[in-house]
Amino acid sequence: MTLFDWYSVVMVTLGVFFFVAGCVGLWRFPDELSKLHALTKADNLGLGFVVLGVIPQVGEVTDAIQLLVIWVAVMLAGAVCCYLLASHTRVQPGGAHSDGGCKPNFEEQTHDR
């Protein structure tokens, strides 16, 4: 194995680790906002490591550029989706429930835009 192959193995392994960490965060965190935070941060970082690990293995520069564009598009889509979901999840003034989760408060939202 060459140095590029070892680099790819290390980067893809790091990416898989962060994907698994994001899934564990989704499973373990109590409220929706913490789950969204774990998914967007860990999955974007995991995808970045996978892309950086795959780039030395592609044959052409255009393929590497396509991988980077896909990574940027996924980061932007994740940020927009997370923002939209989080903006519709309102935490009540009393704080968290007894189980640690946040209770959505849809009564305060207005749709008169």
Protein backbone atom coordinates (compact mmCIF):
# COMPACT_ATOMS: atom_id res chain seq x y z
CA MET A 1 0.00 0.00 0.00
CA THR A 2 1.21 3.46 -0.87
CA LEU A 3 1.13 6.55 1.30
CA PHE A 4 -2.00 7.77 -0.52
CA ASP A 5 -3.76 4.50 0.25
CA TRP A 6 -2.94 4.77 3.95
CA TYR A 7 -4.10 8.38 3.96
CA SER A 8 -7.39 7.31 2.37
CA VAL A 9 -7.89 4.51 4.90
CA VAL A 10 -7.27 6.86 7.83
CA MET A 11 -9.55 9.59 6.50
CA VAL A 12 -12.43 7.27 5.62
CA THR A 13 -12.11 5.58 9.02
CA LEU A 14 -12.31 8.98 10.71
CA GLY A 15 -15.35 9.79 8.60
CA VAL A 16 -17.09 6.58 9.60
CA PHE A 17 -16.28 7.32 13.24
CA PHE A 18 -17.98 10.71 13.02
CA PHE A 19 -20.99 9.23 11.21
CA VAL A 20 -21.38 6.69 14.02
CA ALA A 21 -20.94 9.46 16.62
CA GLY A 22 -23.74 11.43 14.95
CA CYS A 23 -26.02 8.40 15.03
CA VAL A 24 -25.25 7.83 18.70
CA GLY A 25 -26.04 11.50 19.38
CA LEU A 26 -29.35 11.12 17.56
CA TRP A 27 -30.17 8.10 19.67
CA ARG A 28 -28.95 9.38 23.05
CA PHE A 29 -29.69 13.10 23.26
CA PRO A 30 -32.98 13.98 24.95
CA ASP A 31 -34.41 16.86 22.92
CA GLU A 32 -34.84 17.69 19.26
CA LEU A 33 -32.40 20.60 19.13
CA SER A 34 -29.54 18.59 20.61
CA LYS A 35 -30.27 15.78 18.18
CA LEU A 36 -30.20 18.19 15.25
CA HIS A 37 -26.92 19.65 16.47
CA ALA A 38 -25.32 16.22 16.79
CA LEU A 39 -26.45 15.16 13.33
CA THR A 40 -25.45 18.28 11.45
CA LYS A 41 -22.04 18.69 13.06
CA ALA A 42 -20.95 15.06 13.10
CA ASP A 43 -22.34 14.10 9.71
CA ASN A 44 -20.83 17.12 7.95
CA LEU A 45 -17.47 16.40 9.52
CA GLY A 46 -17.79 12.70 8.71
CA LEU A 47 -18.65 13.41 5.09
CA GLY A 48 -15.73 15.83 4.90
CA PHE A 49 -13.29 13.17 6.08
CA VAL A 50 -14.72 10.62 3.65
CA VAL A 51 -14.44 13.09 0.76
CA LEU A 52 -10.87 13.99 1.74
CA GLY A 53 -10.07 10.29 1.87
CA VAL A 54 -11.59 9.52 -1.51
CA ILE A 55 -10.06 12.49 -3.39
CA PRO A 56 -6.55 10.93 -3.71
CA GLN A 57 -8.15 7.81 -5.21
CA VAL A 58 -10.06 9.50 -8.04
CA GLY A 59 -8.55 9.60 -11.49
CA GLU A 60 -9.26 13.14 -12.60
CA VAL A 61 -9.36 16.61 -11.11
CA THR A 62 -12.95 17.15 -12.25
CA ASP A 63 -14.05 14.18 -10.17
CA ALA A 64 -12.32 15.63 -7.12
CA ILE A 65 -14.00 19.00 -7.72
CA GLN A 66 -17.38 17.26 -8.02
CA LEU A 67 -16.81 15.56 -4.66
CA LEU A 68 -15.99 18.90 -3.04
CA VAL A 69 -19.07 20.54 -4.60
CA ILE A 70 -21.26 17.70 -3.32
CA TRP A 71 -19.78 18.13 0.16
CA VAL A 72 -20.50 21.87 0.13
CA ALA A 73 -24.04 21.26 -1.16
CA VAL A 74 -24.72 18.74 1.61
CA MET A 75 -23.41 21.18 4.23
CA LEU A 76 -25.64 23.97 2.92
CA ALA A 77 -28.69 21.71 2.70
CA GLY A 78 -28.07 20.41 6.21
CA ALA A 79 -27.74 23.91 7.60
CA VAL A 80 -30.94 25.11 5.91
CA CYS A 81 -32.96 22.05 6.96
CA CYS A 82 -31.67 22.24 10.52
CA TYR A 83 -32.53 25.94 10.69
CA LEU A 84 -36.05 25.34 9.40
CA LEU A 85 -36.69 22.48 11.82
CA ALA A 86 -35.22 24.37 14.77
CA SER A 87 -37.17 27.54 13.99
CA HIS A 88 -40.44 25.60 14.21
CA THR A 89 -39.50 23.99 17.50
CA ARG A 90 -40.15 26.52 20.21
CA VAL A 91 -39.17 25.82 23.79
CA GLN A 92 -41.74 26.88 26.36
CA PRO A 93 -40.65 29.42 28.99
CA GLY A 94 -40.75 26.78 31.74
CA GLY A 95 -37.76 25.01 30.20
CA ALA A 96 -37.36 21.31 29.75
CA HIS A 97 -39.72 18.52 30.74
CA SER A 98 -38.95 16.17 33.58
CA ASP A 99 -37.42 13.72 31.09
CA GLY A 100 -35.05 16.44 29.82
CA GLY A 101 -36.77 16.96 26.47
CA CYS A 102 -38.02 20.23 25.06
CA LYS A 103 -41.70 20.67 24.42
CA PRO A 104 -42.63 22.31 21.12
CA ASN A 105 -44.93 25.28 21.48
CA PHE A 106 -46.77 25.72 18.20
CA GLU A 107 -49.42 28.06 19.60
CA GLU A 108 -47.06 31.09 19.55
CA GLN A 109 -46.19 30.72 15.89
CA THR A 110 -47.84 32.98 13.39
CA HIS A 111 -48.04 32.29 9.70
CA ASP A 112 -48.95 35.82 8.56
CA ARG A 113 -45.77 36.39 6.54
